[in-house]
Amino acid sequence: MNTRIIIFAKAPVAGLAKTRLIPALGADGAARLARQMLMSTLNASMSADTGPVELCMSPAPGAIEWRHLPLPPGIERSDQGEGDLGQRMARAARRGLVANGHEQVLLIGTDCPQLSPELLRRTARQLVDSDCLLHPTIDGGYALLGLRRFHTSLFEHMPWSTDRVAAITRERIARLGWRCVLGERLQDIDEPHDLFWLPAAWAEQLHGYPTENNPHVRT
């Protein structure tokens, strides 16, 4: 089983990452959380040991925004490039499946703490007998898209960041006639009310994270 995990991430700097959380956390707090989520996702992907792990970065690798982030050894790096999220994901998926010759790819972001090594390994195994696999999120998007085949329709003209993304993606998969595994629904951390679902240990590790008297965070 040759599975490439491709992680899409913005540099975890104030004002660039997790901007929808700034009203609850402030710009610096949102950036600290973004860094925690990025490092957790990278470590989980490496620990899953399913194949190469690629960090698809915005801005491009080598930009000053990434200079002080100690990435784990063995992480491949690539540039998300121009275009909307769909165009950037399509390029990465096509590259992973066609140019790099991998049997399957898992496309993920860094917003879902539930993407554990165990879940990623299980997903890679489930994908082997299908054309694709989708882990939807409670807000109507998806946290993971696994592919063994590529088609541009899964990424074109998609209303990203809305509650229709997963449903539209499933409709397009059905039109293609692909075999698709529907995974469990997961919880993304995108909006202030999502902070309730953060692992408790994360808040303790984020120095300066405003958890005290914050109605969005479990204590």
N, C-alpha and C. Protein backbone atom coordinates (compact mmCIF):
# COMPACT_ATOMS: atom_id res chain seq x y z
N MET A 1 0.86 -1.20 0.00
CA MET A 1 0.00 0.00 0.00
C MET A 1 0.89 1.24 0.00
N ASN A 2 0.78 2.02 -1.04
CA ASN A 2 1.63 3.19 -1.22
C ASN A 2 0.77 4.44 -1.08
N THR A 3 0.74 5.00 0.12
CA THR A 3 -0.16 6.12 0.42
C THR A 3 0.63 7.37 0.74
N ARG A 4 0.36 8.42 -0.01
CA ARG A 4 0.97 9.72 0.28
C ARG A 4 -0.04 10.58 1.03
N ILE A 5 0.36 11.12 2.18
CA ILE A 5 -0.47 12.06 2.91
C ILE A 5 -0.02 13.48 2.53
N ILE A 6 -0.96 14.28 2.05
CA ILE A 6 -0.68 15.65 1.66
C ILE A 6 -1.43 16.58 2.60
N ILE A 7 -0.68 17.38 3.34
CA ILE A 7 -1.25 18.27 4.34
C ILE A 7 -1.23 19.70 3.81
N PHE A 8 -2.39 20.34 3.78
CA PHE A 8 -2.48 21.73 3.34
C PHE A 8 -2.44 22.63 4.56
N ALA A 9 -1.53 23.61 4.54
CA ALA A 9 -1.39 24.47 5.71
C ALA A 9 -0.91 25.85 5.32
N LYS A 10 -1.42 26.84 6.06
CA LYS A 10 -0.87 28.19 6.02
C LYS A 10 0.18 28.31 7.12
N ALA A 11 1.14 29.19 6.91
CA ALA A 11 2.13 29.43 7.95
C ALA A 11 1.42 29.94 9.20
N PRO A 12 1.76 29.40 10.37
CA PRO A 12 1.06 29.78 11.61
C PRO A 12 1.58 31.09 12.19
N VAL A 13 1.29 32.17 11.48
CA VAL A 13 1.72 33.49 11.94
C VAL A 13 0.48 34.36 12.16
N ALA A 14 0.61 35.31 13.07
CA ALA A 14 -0.51 36.16 13.43
C ALA A 14 -1.06 36.92 12.23
N GLY A 15 -2.36 36.86 12.06
CA GLY A 15 -3.01 37.57 10.98
C GLY A 15 -3.13 36.77 9.70
N LEU A 16 -2.48 35.60 9.62
CA LEU A 16 -2.53 34.78 8.41
C LEU A 16 -3.30 33.49 8.65
N ALA A 17 -3.09 32.85 9.81
CA ALA A 17 -3.68 31.54 10.08
C ALA A 17 -4.81 31.65 11.10
N LYS A 18 -5.84 30.81 10.91
CA LYS A 18 -6.97 30.71 11.83
C LYS A 18 -7.59 32.08 12.13
N THR A 19 -7.79 32.87 11.10
CA THR A 19 -8.27 34.23 11.30
C THR A 19 -9.69 34.28 11.86
N ARG A 20 -10.50 33.24 11.61
CA ARG A 20 -11.86 33.24 12.14
C ARG A 20 -11.89 33.07 13.66
N LEU A 21 -10.74 32.66 14.24
CA LEU A 21 -10.67 32.50 15.69
C LEU A 21 -10.14 33.75 16.39
N ILE A 22 -9.73 34.74 15.62
CA ILE A 22 -9.15 35.94 16.23
C ILE A 22 -10.12 36.64 17.18
N PRO A 23 -11.44 36.72 16.89
CA PRO A 23 -12.33 37.37 17.86
C PRO A 23 -12.31 36.71 19.24
N ALA A 24 -12.04 35.40 19.29
CA ALA A 24 -12.03 34.70 20.58
C ALA A 24 -10.64 34.65 21.20
N LEU A 25 -9.60 34.55 20.35
CA LEU A 25 -8.25 34.28 20.87
C LEU A 25 -7.29 35.43 20.69
N GLY A 26 -7.63 36.40 19.86
CA GLY A 26 -6.65 37.41 19.46
C GLY A 26 -5.78 36.85 18.36
N ALA A 27 -5.09 37.72 17.64
CA ALA A 27 -4.26 37.28 16.52
C ALA A 27 -3.12 36.37 16.97
N ASP A 28 -2.46 36.72 18.07
CA ASP A 28 -1.36 35.90 18.56
C ASP A 28 -1.85 34.55 19.08
N GLY A 29 -2.96 34.54 19.79
CA GLY A 29 -3.51 33.28 20.29
C GLY A 29 -3.94 32.36 19.16
N ALA A 30 -4.55 32.93 18.12
CA ALA A 30 -4.95 32.12 16.97
C ALA A 30 -3.73 31.53 16.27
N ALA A 31 -2.66 32.31 16.18
CA ALA A 31 -1.44 31.81 15.55
C ALA A 31 -0.80 30.69 16.38
N ARG A 32 -0.82 30.84 17.71
CA ARG A 32 -0.28 29.78 18.57
C ARG A 32 -1.07 28.49 18.41
N LEU A 33 -2.38 28.63 18.34
CA LEU A 33 -3.20 27.43 18.14
C LEU A 33 -2.94 26.82 16.77
N ALA A 34 -2.80 27.65 15.74
CA ALA A 34 -2.50 27.14 14.41
C ALA A 34 -1.20 26.36 14.40
N ARG A 35 -0.21 26.85 15.10
CA ARG A 35 1.08 26.14 15.18
C ARG A 35 0.90 24.79 15.88
N GLN A 36 0.16 24.78 16.99
CA GLN A 36 -0.09 23.54 17.70
C GLN A 36 -0.80 22.52 16.81
N MET A 37 -1.80 22.97 16.07
CA MET A 37 -2.56 22.08 15.21
C MET A 37 -1.71 21.58 14.05
N LEU A 38 -0.87 22.43 13.50
CA LEU A 38 0.01 22.02 12.41
C LEU A 38 0.99 20.96 12.88
N MET A 39 1.65 21.20 14.01
CA MET A 39 2.64 20.25 14.49
C MET A 39 1.98 18.92 14.88
N SER A 40 0.79 18.98 15.46
CA SER A 40 0.07 17.76 15.80
C SER A 40 -0.26 16.95 14.55
N THR A 41 -0.71 17.63 13.50
CA THR A 41 -1.07 16.94 12.26
C THR A 41 0.17 16.33 11.60
N LEU A 42 1.27 17.07 11.59
CA LEU A 42 2.51 16.54 11.02
C LEU A 42 2.97 15.30 11.78
N ASN A 43 2.96 15.38 13.10
CA ASN A 43 3.42 14.24 13.90
C ASN A 43 2.51 13.03 13.75
N ALA A 44 1.19 13.27 13.70
CA ALA A 44 0.26 12.16 13.50
C ALA A 44 0.47 11.50 12.14
N SER A 45 0.70 12.32 11.12
CA SER A 45 0.90 11.78 9.77
C SER A 45 2.18 10.97 9.67
N MET A 46 3.24 11.46 10.29
CA MET A 46 4.49 10.71 10.29
C MET A 46 4.35 9.42 11.09
N SER A 47 3.68 9.49 12.23
CA SER A 47 3.51 8.31 13.08
C SER A 47 2.62 7.26 12.42
N ALA A 48 1.72 7.69 11.55
CA ALA A 48 0.85 6.72 10.87
C ALA A 48 1.66 5.77 10.01
N ASP A 49 2.79 6.24 9.46
CA ASP A 49 3.73 5.40 8.71
C ASP A 49 3.05 4.67 7.55
N THR A 50 2.27 5.45 6.77
CA THR A 50 1.60 4.88 5.61
C THR A 50 2.33 5.17 4.30
N GLY A 51 3.34 6.02 4.36
CA GLY A 51 4.05 6.42 3.16
C GLY A 51 4.57 7.84 3.32
N PRO A 52 4.95 8.48 2.22
CA PRO A 52 5.51 9.84 2.31
C PRO A 52 4.49 10.83 2.86
N VAL A 53 4.99 11.83 3.57
CA VAL A 53 4.17 12.92 4.09
C VAL A 53 4.65 14.22 3.45
N GLU A 54 3.74 14.92 2.82
CA GLU A 54 4.05 16.16 2.10
C GLU A 54 3.30 17.32 2.74
N LEU A 55 4.03 18.37 3.06
CA LEU A 55 3.42 19.60 3.56
C LEU A 55 3.29 20.56 2.39
N CYS A 56 2.05 20.84 2.00
CA CYS A 56 1.77 21.74 0.88
C CYS A 56 1.52 23.12 1.47
N MET A 57 2.43 24.04 1.24
CA MET A 57 2.58 25.22 2.07
C MET A 57 2.12 26.51 1.39
N SER A 58 1.56 27.40 2.20
CA SER A 58 1.23 28.76 1.79
C SER A 58 1.65 29.71 2.90
N PRO A 59 2.57 30.65 2.61
CA PRO A 59 3.29 30.85 1.35
C PRO A 59 4.26 29.70 1.06
N ALA A 60 5.01 29.84 -0.02
CA ALA A 60 5.86 28.76 -0.50
C ALA A 60 6.97 28.42 0.49
N PRO A 61 7.50 27.19 0.42
CA PRO A 61 8.66 26.84 1.26
C PRO A 61 9.79 27.86 1.06
N GLY A 62 10.45 28.18 2.14
CA GLY A 62 11.53 29.17 2.07
C GLY A 62 11.10 30.58 2.39
N ALA A 63 9.78 30.82 2.44
CA ALA A 63 9.30 32.16 2.79
C ALA A 63 9.63 32.45 4.25
N ILE A 64 9.78 33.72 4.56
CA ILE A 64 10.18 34.12 5.90
C ILE A 64 9.18 33.65 6.96
N GLU A 65 7.92 33.50 6.60
CA GLU A 65 6.89 33.08 7.55
C GLU A 65 7.15 31.68 8.12
N TRP A 66 7.91 30.86 7.39
CA TRP A 66 8.19 29.49 7.83
C TRP A 66 9.54 29.36 8.52
N ARG A 67 10.30 30.44 8.59
CA ARG A 67 11.71 30.34 8.96
C ARG A 67 11.92 29.75 10.35
N HIS A 68 11.07 30.06 11.29
CA HIS A 68 11.31 29.64 12.68
C HIS A 68 10.45 28.45 13.09
N LEU A 69 9.92 27.71 12.12
CA LEU A 69 9.10 26.55 12.44
C LEU A 69 9.93 25.28 12.25
N PRO A 70 10.22 24.54 13.32
CA PRO A 70 11.04 23.33 13.21
C PRO A 70 10.21 22.15 12.71
N LEU A 71 10.22 21.90 11.41
CA LEU A 71 9.45 20.79 10.85
C LEU A 71 10.13 19.46 11.18
N PRO A 72 9.34 18.43 11.44
CA PRO A 72 9.93 17.11 11.70
C PRO A 72 10.77 16.64 10.52
N PRO A 73 11.83 15.90 10.77
CA PRO A 73 12.64 15.37 9.66
C PRO A 73 11.83 14.40 8.81
N GLY A 74 12.11 14.41 7.53
CA GLY A 74 11.43 13.51 6.61
C GLY A 74 10.20 14.08 5.94
N ILE A 75 9.80 15.30 6.32
CA ILE A 75 8.63 15.93 5.71
C ILE A 75 9.03 16.51 4.34
N GLU A 76 8.31 16.12 3.30
CA GLU A 76 8.51 16.73 1.99
C GLU A 76 7.75 18.07 1.96
N ARG A 77 8.24 19.00 1.17
CA ARG A 77 7.66 20.33 1.13
C ARG A 77 7.29 20.71 -0.30
N SER A 78 6.15 21.37 -0.44
CA SER A 78 5.72 21.83 -1.76
C SER A 78 4.97 23.14 -1.60
N ASP A 79 4.79 23.83 -2.70
CA ASP A 79 4.12 25.13 -2.73
C ASP A 79 2.67 24.92 -3.17
N GLN A 80 1.73 25.47 -2.42
CA GLN A 80 0.33 25.38 -2.84
C GLN A 80 0.09 26.07 -4.17
N GLY A 81 0.80 27.16 -4.41
CA GLY A 81 0.65 27.87 -5.67
C GLY A 81 -0.57 28.76 -5.69
N GLU A 82 -0.92 29.20 -6.87
CA GLU A 82 -2.00 30.17 -7.06
C GLU A 82 -3.35 29.48 -7.20
N GLY A 83 -4.41 30.29 -7.13
CA GLY A 83 -5.76 29.79 -7.36
C GLY A 83 -6.53 29.58 -6.07
N ASP A 84 -7.80 29.20 -6.21
CA ASP A 84 -8.62 28.94 -5.04
C ASP A 84 -8.24 27.59 -4.45
N LEU A 85 -8.87 27.26 -3.32
CA LEU A 85 -8.51 26.01 -2.64
C LEU A 85 -8.69 24.80 -3.54
N GLY A 86 -9.74 24.79 -4.34
CA GLY A 86 -9.97 23.66 -5.23
C GLY A 86 -8.87 23.48 -6.25
N GLN A 87 -8.41 24.57 -6.84
CA GLN A 87 -7.32 24.49 -7.81
C GLN A 87 -6.04 23.99 -7.17
N ARG A 88 -5.78 24.45 -5.95
CA ARG A 88 -4.55 24.03 -5.26
C ARG A 88 -4.63 22.57 -4.85
N MET A 89 -5.80 22.13 -4.37
CA MET A 89 -5.96 20.72 -4.00
C MET A 89 -5.87 19.82 -5.23
N ALA A 90 -6.48 20.25 -6.33
CA ALA A 90 -6.46 19.44 -7.55
C ALA A 90 -5.03 19.24 -8.04
N ARG A 91 -4.24 20.29 -8.03
CA ARG A 91 -2.84 20.14 -8.48
C ARG A 91 -2.10 19.14 -7.60
N ALA A 92 -2.30 19.26 -6.28
CA ALA A 92 -1.59 18.37 -5.37
C ALA A 92 -2.05 16.92 -5.54
N ALA A 93 -3.35 16.71 -5.68
CA ALA A 93 -3.86 15.35 -5.84
C ALA A 93 -3.37 14.73 -7.14
N ARG A 94 -3.42 15.50 -8.23
CA ARG A 94 -2.95 14.97 -9.52
C ARG A 94 -1.46 14.64 -9.45
N ARG A 95 -0.70 15.53 -8.83
CA ARG A 95 0.74 15.30 -8.70
C ARG A 95 1.02 14.04 -7.88
N GLY A 96 0.28 13.88 -6.78
CA GLY A 96 0.51 12.72 -5.94
C GLY A 96 0.18 11.41 -6.61
N LEU A 97 -0.91 11.39 -7.37
CA LEU A 97 -1.36 10.15 -7.99
C LEU A 97 -0.67 9.87 -9.32
N VAL A 98 -0.40 10.92 -10.08
CA VAL A 98 0.11 10.73 -11.44
C VAL A 98 1.61 10.96 -11.51
N ALA A 99 2.05 12.16 -11.16
CA ALA A 99 3.46 12.49 -11.31
C ALA A 99 4.34 11.65 -10.38
N ASN A 100 3.88 11.47 -9.14
CA ASN A 100 4.68 10.72 -8.17
C ASN A 100 4.34 9.24 -8.15
N GLY A 101 3.31 8.83 -8.87
CA GLY A 101 3.02 7.41 -9.03
C GLY A 101 2.55 6.69 -7.79
N HIS A 102 1.92 7.41 -6.86
CA HIS A 102 1.41 6.74 -5.66
C HIS A 102 0.06 6.10 -5.95
N GLU A 103 -0.20 5.00 -5.28
CA GLU A 103 -1.46 4.30 -5.48
C GLU A 103 -2.63 5.09 -4.93
N GLN A 104 -2.40 5.82 -3.84
CA GLN A 104 -3.49 6.57 -3.24
C GLN A 104 -2.93 7.75 -2.45
N VAL A 105 -3.77 8.79 -2.33
CA VAL A 105 -3.38 9.97 -1.58
C VAL A 105 -4.47 10.29 -0.56
N LEU A 106 -4.05 10.84 0.56
CA LEU A 106 -4.96 11.38 1.56
C LEU A 106 -4.73 12.88 1.62
N LEU A 107 -5.75 13.66 1.33
CA LEU A 107 -5.67 15.11 1.40
C LEU A 107 -6.29 15.56 2.71
N ILE A 108 -5.52 16.27 3.53
CA ILE A 108 -6.02 16.71 4.82
C ILE A 108 -5.57 18.14 5.08
N GLY A 109 -6.22 18.77 6.05
CA GLY A 109 -5.78 20.06 6.54
C GLY A 109 -5.21 19.89 7.94
N THR A 110 -5.16 20.97 8.68
CA THR A 110 -4.60 20.91 10.03
C THR A 110 -5.65 21.29 11.08
N ASP A 111 -6.92 21.31 10.69
CA ASP A 111 -7.97 21.84 11.57
C ASP A 111 -8.66 20.79 12.43
N CYS A 112 -8.27 19.50 12.29
CA CYS A 112 -9.03 18.44 12.93
C CYS A 112 -8.13 17.63 13.86
N PRO A 113 -8.21 17.86 15.17
CA PRO A 113 -7.39 17.10 16.11
C PRO A 113 -7.68 15.61 16.12
N GLN A 114 -8.81 15.18 15.56
CA GLN A 114 -9.17 13.76 15.56
C GLN A 114 -8.42 12.96 14.50
N LEU A 115 -7.65 13.62 13.66
CA LEU A 115 -6.86 12.89 12.65
C LEU A 115 -5.63 12.28 13.32
N SER A 116 -5.85 11.21 14.04
CA SER A 116 -4.81 10.52 14.79
C SER A 116 -4.06 9.55 13.88
N PRO A 117 -2.91 9.04 14.31
CA PRO A 117 -2.22 8.02 13.52
C PRO A 117 -3.10 6.81 13.25
N GLU A 118 -3.87 6.38 14.26
CA GLU A 118 -4.73 5.22 14.09
C GLU A 118 -5.80 5.46 13.03
N LEU A 119 -6.43 6.65 13.06
CA LEU A 119 -7.45 6.95 12.06
C LEU A 119 -6.84 7.01 10.66
N LEU A 120 -5.67 7.61 10.53
CA LEU A 120 -5.03 7.71 9.22
C LEU A 120 -4.65 6.33 8.68
N ARG A 121 -4.13 5.45 9.55
CA ARG A 121 -3.81 4.10 9.10
C ARG A 121 -5.06 3.34 8.68
N ARG A 122 -6.12 3.47 9.47
CA ARG A 122 -7.38 2.79 9.14
C ARG A 122 -7.94 3.31 7.82
N THR A 123 -7.87 4.61 7.62
CA THR A 123 -8.37 5.20 6.39
C THR A 123 -7.59 4.69 5.19
N ALA A 124 -6.27 4.62 5.30
CA ALA A 124 -5.45 4.11 4.20
C ALA A 124 -5.83 2.67 3.86
N ARG A 125 -6.10 1.85 4.87
CA ARG A 125 -6.50 0.46 4.61
C ARG A 125 -7.86 0.40 3.94
N GLN A 126 -8.82 1.20 4.41
CA GLN A 126 -10.17 1.19 3.84
C GLN A 126 -10.17 1.65 2.39
N LEU A 127 -9.29 2.55 2.06
CA LEU A 127 -9.26 3.12 0.71
C LEU A 127 -8.81 2.11 -0.33
N VAL A 128 -8.08 1.10 0.08
CA VAL A 128 -7.49 0.15 -0.87
C VAL A 128 -8.55 -0.47 -1.77
N ASP A 129 -9.73 -0.76 -1.25
CA ASP A 129 -10.76 -1.46 -2.02
C ASP A 129 -11.81 -0.51 -2.59
N SER A 130 -11.52 0.79 -2.62
CA SER A 130 -12.48 1.76 -3.13
C SER A 130 -11.78 2.73 -4.07
N ASP A 131 -12.54 3.65 -4.62
CA ASP A 131 -11.97 4.70 -5.46
C ASP A 131 -11.67 5.95 -4.64
N CYS A 132 -12.44 6.17 -3.58
CA CYS A 132 -12.25 7.35 -2.76
C CYS A 132 -12.83 7.11 -1.37
N LEU A 133 -12.48 7.99 -0.47
CA LEU A 133 -12.98 7.92 0.90
C LEU A 133 -13.12 9.34 1.42
N LEU A 134 -14.21 9.58 2.14
CA LEU A 134 -14.51 10.93 2.62
C LEU A 134 -14.82 10.88 4.11
N HIS A 135 -14.11 11.71 4.88
CA HIS A 135 -14.46 11.94 6.28
C HIS A 135 -15.10 13.32 6.36
N PRO A 136 -16.44 13.38 6.41
CA PRO A 136 -17.10 14.69 6.52
C PRO A 136 -16.92 15.27 7.91
N THR A 137 -17.19 16.55 8.03
CA THR A 137 -17.14 17.22 9.33
C THR A 137 -18.54 17.65 9.73
N ILE A 138 -18.70 17.90 11.00
CA ILE A 138 -20.01 18.24 11.54
C ILE A 138 -20.56 19.52 10.92
N ASP A 139 -19.68 20.42 10.49
CA ASP A 139 -20.13 21.70 9.91
C ASP A 139 -20.46 21.60 8.42
N GLY A 140 -20.40 20.39 7.83
CA GLY A 140 -20.78 20.23 6.43
C GLY A 140 -19.62 20.19 5.45
N GLY A 141 -18.40 20.40 5.94
CA GLY A 141 -17.24 20.26 5.08
C GLY A 141 -16.67 18.86 5.17
N TYR A 142 -15.38 18.72 4.90
CA TYR A 142 -14.72 17.44 5.15
C TYR A 142 -13.31 17.67 5.66
N ALA A 143 -12.85 16.72 6.48
CA ALA A 143 -11.52 16.81 7.07
C ALA A 143 -10.51 16.00 6.31
N LEU A 144 -10.97 15.03 5.52
CA LEU A 144 -10.06 14.15 4.78
C LEU A 144 -10.75 13.67 3.52
N LEU A 145 -10.02 13.72 2.42
CA LEU A 145 -10.45 13.15 1.15
C LEU A 145 -9.37 12.20 0.68
N GLY A 146 -9.70 10.93 0.61
CA GLY A 146 -8.76 9.94 0.11
C GLY A 146 -9.10 9.57 -1.32
N LEU A 147 -8.10 9.48 -2.17
CA LEU A 147 -8.32 9.22 -3.60
C LEU A 147 -7.38 8.15 -4.12
N ARG A 148 -7.95 7.28 -4.95
CA ARG A 148 -7.15 6.37 -5.77
C ARG A 148 -7.28 6.72 -7.26
N ARG A 149 -8.21 7.61 -7.57
CA ARG A 149 -8.41 8.10 -8.92
C ARG A 149 -8.52 9.62 -8.85
N PHE A 150 -8.33 10.25 -9.98
CA PHE A 150 -8.39 11.72 -10.00
C PHE A 150 -9.44 12.18 -11.00
N HIS A 151 -10.21 13.20 -10.60
CA HIS A 151 -11.10 13.87 -11.53
C HIS A 151 -11.27 15.31 -11.06
N THR A 152 -11.16 16.23 -11.99
CA THR A 152 -11.19 17.66 -11.64
C THR A 152 -12.53 18.10 -11.07
N SER A 153 -13.62 17.38 -11.37
CA SER A 153 -14.94 17.82 -10.92
C SER A 153 -15.07 17.83 -9.41
N LEU A 154 -14.21 17.10 -8.71
CA LEU A 154 -14.29 17.08 -7.25
C LEU A 154 -13.80 18.39 -6.64
N PHE A 155 -13.18 19.23 -7.45
CA PHE A 155 -12.55 20.43 -6.91
C PHE A 155 -13.02 21.73 -7.57
N GLU A 156 -13.68 21.62 -8.71
CA GLU A 156 -14.05 22.81 -9.47
C GLU A 156 -15.36 23.42 -8.96
N HIS A 157 -15.39 24.77 -8.94
CA HIS A 157 -16.63 25.51 -8.65
C HIS A 157 -17.28 25.01 -7.36
N MET A 158 -16.49 24.84 -6.34
CA MET A 158 -16.97 24.35 -5.05
C MET A 158 -17.15 25.54 -4.10
N PRO A 159 -18.26 25.62 -3.38
CA PRO A 159 -18.46 26.71 -2.41
C PRO A 159 -17.70 26.42 -1.11
N TRP A 160 -16.39 26.56 -1.17
CA TRP A 160 -15.54 26.23 -0.03
C TRP A 160 -15.95 27.04 1.21
N SER A 161 -15.70 26.47 2.36
CA SER A 161 -16.01 27.09 3.66
C SER A 161 -17.50 27.29 3.87
N THR A 162 -18.31 26.42 3.24
CA THR A 162 -19.75 26.42 3.49
C THR A 162 -20.17 25.03 3.95
N ASP A 163 -21.44 24.92 4.39
CA ASP A 163 -21.93 23.64 4.89
C ASP A 163 -22.39 22.71 3.77
N ARG A 164 -22.09 23.06 2.52
CA ARG A 164 -22.51 22.24 1.38
C ARG A 164 -21.37 21.44 0.76
N VAL A 165 -20.14 21.64 1.23
CA VAL A 165 -18.98 21.06 0.55
C VAL A 165 -19.04 19.53 0.52
N ALA A 166 -19.28 18.90 1.66
CA ALA A 166 -19.29 17.44 1.69
C ALA A 166 -20.42 16.87 0.84
N ALA A 167 -21.60 17.46 0.94
CA ALA A 167 -22.75 16.96 0.18
C ALA A 167 -22.52 17.07 -1.32
N ILE A 168 -22.00 18.21 -1.76
CA ILE A 168 -21.73 18.39 -3.19
C ILE A 168 -20.65 17.42 -3.66
N THR A 169 -19.62 17.24 -2.83
CA THR A 169 -18.56 16.30 -3.20
C THR A 169 -19.12 14.89 -3.35
N ARG A 170 -19.99 14.46 -2.45
CA ARG A 170 -20.60 13.13 -2.55
C ARG A 170 -21.47 13.02 -3.80
N GLU A 171 -22.20 14.07 -4.13
CA GLU A 171 -23.01 14.05 -5.35
C GLU A 171 -22.15 13.88 -6.59
N ARG A 172 -21.03 14.57 -6.63
CA ARG A 172 -20.15 14.48 -7.80
C ARG A 172 -19.48 13.11 -7.87
N ILE A 173 -19.12 12.55 -6.73
CA ILE A 173 -18.56 11.20 -6.71
C ILE A 173 -19.58 10.20 -7.24
N ALA A 174 -20.83 10.35 -6.83
CA ALA A 174 -21.88 9.45 -7.31
C ALA A 174 -22.05 9.56 -8.82
N ARG A 175 -21.99 10.78 -9.35
CA ARG A 175 -22.11 10.95 -10.80
C ARG A 175 -20.97 10.29 -11.56
N LEU A 176 -19.79 10.26 -10.93
CA LEU A 176 -18.65 9.59 -11.57
C LEU A 176 -18.79 8.07 -11.52
N GLY A 177 -19.68 7.57 -10.68
CA GLY A 177 -19.84 6.13 -10.55
C GLY A 177 -18.74 5.47 -9.74
N TRP A 178 -18.08 6.25 -8.91
CA TRP A 178 -16.97 5.71 -8.11
C TRP A 178 -17.49 5.01 -6.87
N ARG A 179 -16.72 4.03 -6.41
CA ARG A 179 -16.97 3.40 -5.12
C ARG A 179 -16.37 4.30 -4.04
N CYS A 180 -17.20 4.69 -3.10
CA CYS A 180 -16.74 5.65 -2.09
C CYS A 180 -17.07 5.13 -0.69
N VAL A 181 -16.09 5.16 0.18
CA VAL A 181 -16.29 4.86 1.59
C VAL A 181 -16.60 6.16 2.32
N LEU A 182 -17.67 6.17 3.10
CA LEU A 182 -18.01 7.33 3.90
C LEU A 182 -17.55 7.08 5.32
N GLY A 183 -16.54 7.82 5.75
CA GLY A 183 -16.00 7.67 7.09
C GLY A 183 -16.83 8.40 8.12
N GLU A 184 -16.42 8.28 9.37
CA GLU A 184 -17.13 8.93 10.47
C GLU A 184 -17.04 10.45 10.36
N ARG A 185 -18.04 11.12 10.89
CA ARG A 185 -18.01 12.58 10.92
C ARG A 185 -17.04 13.04 12.00
N LEU A 186 -16.26 14.05 11.66
CA LEU A 186 -15.24 14.57 12.57
C LEU A 186 -15.54 16.03 12.89
N GLN A 187 -14.79 16.56 13.85
CA GLN A 187 -15.01 17.94 14.30
C GLN A 187 -13.81 18.81 13.95
N ASP A 188 -14.01 19.77 13.08
CA ASP A 188 -12.99 20.76 12.77
C ASP A 188 -13.00 21.87 13.83
N ILE A 189 -11.88 22.58 13.92
CA ILE A 189 -11.77 23.76 14.78
C ILE A 189 -11.60 24.97 13.87
N ASP A 190 -12.71 25.60 13.53
CA ASP A 190 -12.70 26.72 12.59
C ASP A 190 -13.24 28.02 13.20
N GLU A 191 -14.30 27.89 13.99
CA GLU A 191 -15.01 29.05 14.53
C GLU A 191 -14.86 29.07 16.06
N PRO A 192 -15.09 30.22 16.68
CA PRO A 192 -14.96 30.28 18.14
C PRO A 192 -15.75 29.21 18.90
N HIS A 193 -16.97 28.88 18.44
CA HIS A 193 -17.74 27.88 19.17
C HIS A 193 -17.13 26.48 19.05
N ASP A 194 -16.25 26.26 18.06
CA ASP A 194 -15.58 24.96 17.92
C ASP A 194 -14.51 24.73 18.98
N LEU A 195 -14.07 25.80 19.62
CA LEU A 195 -12.99 25.67 20.61
C LEU A 195 -13.37 24.75 21.76
N PHE A 196 -14.65 24.56 21.97
CA PHE A 196 -15.11 23.64 23.02
C PHE A 196 -14.55 22.24 22.81
N TRP A 197 -14.26 21.88 21.56
CA TRP A 197 -13.83 20.53 21.22
C TRP A 197 -12.32 20.36 21.23
N LEU A 198 -11.59 21.38 21.57
CA LEU A 198 -10.14 21.25 21.66
C LEU A 198 -9.75 20.24 22.74
N PRO A 199 -8.73 19.41 22.50
CA PRO A 199 -8.20 18.58 23.58
C PRO A 199 -7.76 19.46 24.74
N ALA A 200 -8.12 19.08 25.94
CA ALA A 200 -7.83 19.91 27.11
C ALA A 200 -6.34 20.19 27.26
N ALA A 201 -5.51 19.19 26.93
CA ALA A 201 -4.06 19.36 27.10
C ALA A 201 -3.51 20.46 26.19
N TRP A 202 -4.17 20.70 25.07
CA TRP A 202 -3.66 21.71 24.14
C TRP A 202 -3.71 23.09 24.77
N ALA A 203 -4.80 23.39 25.44
CA ALA A 203 -4.93 24.71 26.05
C ALA A 203 -3.83 24.94 27.07
N GLU A 204 -3.45 23.89 27.79
CA GLU A 204 -2.41 24.03 28.80
C GLU A 204 -1.04 24.27 28.17
N GLN A 205 -0.83 23.72 26.99
CA GLN A 205 0.46 23.84 26.32
C GLN A 205 0.64 25.18 25.62
N LEU A 206 -0.46 25.86 25.34
CA LEU A 206 -0.40 27.12 24.60
C LEU A 206 -0.26 28.27 25.58
N HIS A 207 0.96 28.68 25.84
CA HIS A 207 1.21 29.76 26.80
C HIS A 207 0.50 31.03 26.33
N GLY A 208 -0.25 31.62 27.23
CA GLY A 208 -0.97 32.83 26.90
C GLY A 208 -2.32 32.59 26.28
N TYR A 209 -2.68 31.31 26.10
CA TYR A 209 -3.97 31.00 25.50
C TYR A 209 -5.07 31.39 26.47
N PRO A 210 -6.02 32.23 26.10
CA PRO A 210 -6.97 32.78 27.05
C PRO A 210 -8.11 31.82 27.37
N THR A 211 -7.84 30.77 28.17
CA THR A 211 -8.87 29.80 28.49
C THR A 211 -9.70 30.23 29.68
N GLU A 212 -9.12 30.97 30.61
CA GLU A 212 -9.84 31.33 31.81
C GLU A 212 -10.99 32.28 31.48
N ASN A 213 -12.18 31.89 31.91
CA ASN A 213 -13.40 32.68 31.68
C ASN A 213 -13.76 32.77 30.19
N ASN A 214 -13.19 31.89 29.38
CA ASN A 214 -13.53 31.88 27.97
C ASN A 214 -14.69 30.89 27.78
N PRO A 215 -15.86 31.34 27.37
CA PRO A 215 -17.03 30.45 27.29
C PRO A 215 -16.90 29.41 26.20
N HIS A 216 -15.91 29.54 25.30
CA HIS A 216 -15.80 28.62 24.18
C HIS A 216 -14.94 27.39 24.53
N VAL A 217 -14.23 27.41 25.64
CA VAL A 217 -13.24 26.38 25.93
C VAL A 217 -13.66 25.57 27.14
N ARG A 218 -13.52 24.25 27.03
CA ARG A 218 -13.81 23.39 28.17
C ARG A 218 -12.75 23.58 29.26
N THR A 219 -13.16 23.49 30.50
CA THR A 219 -12.22 23.54 31.61
C THR A 219 -12.48 22.35 32.53
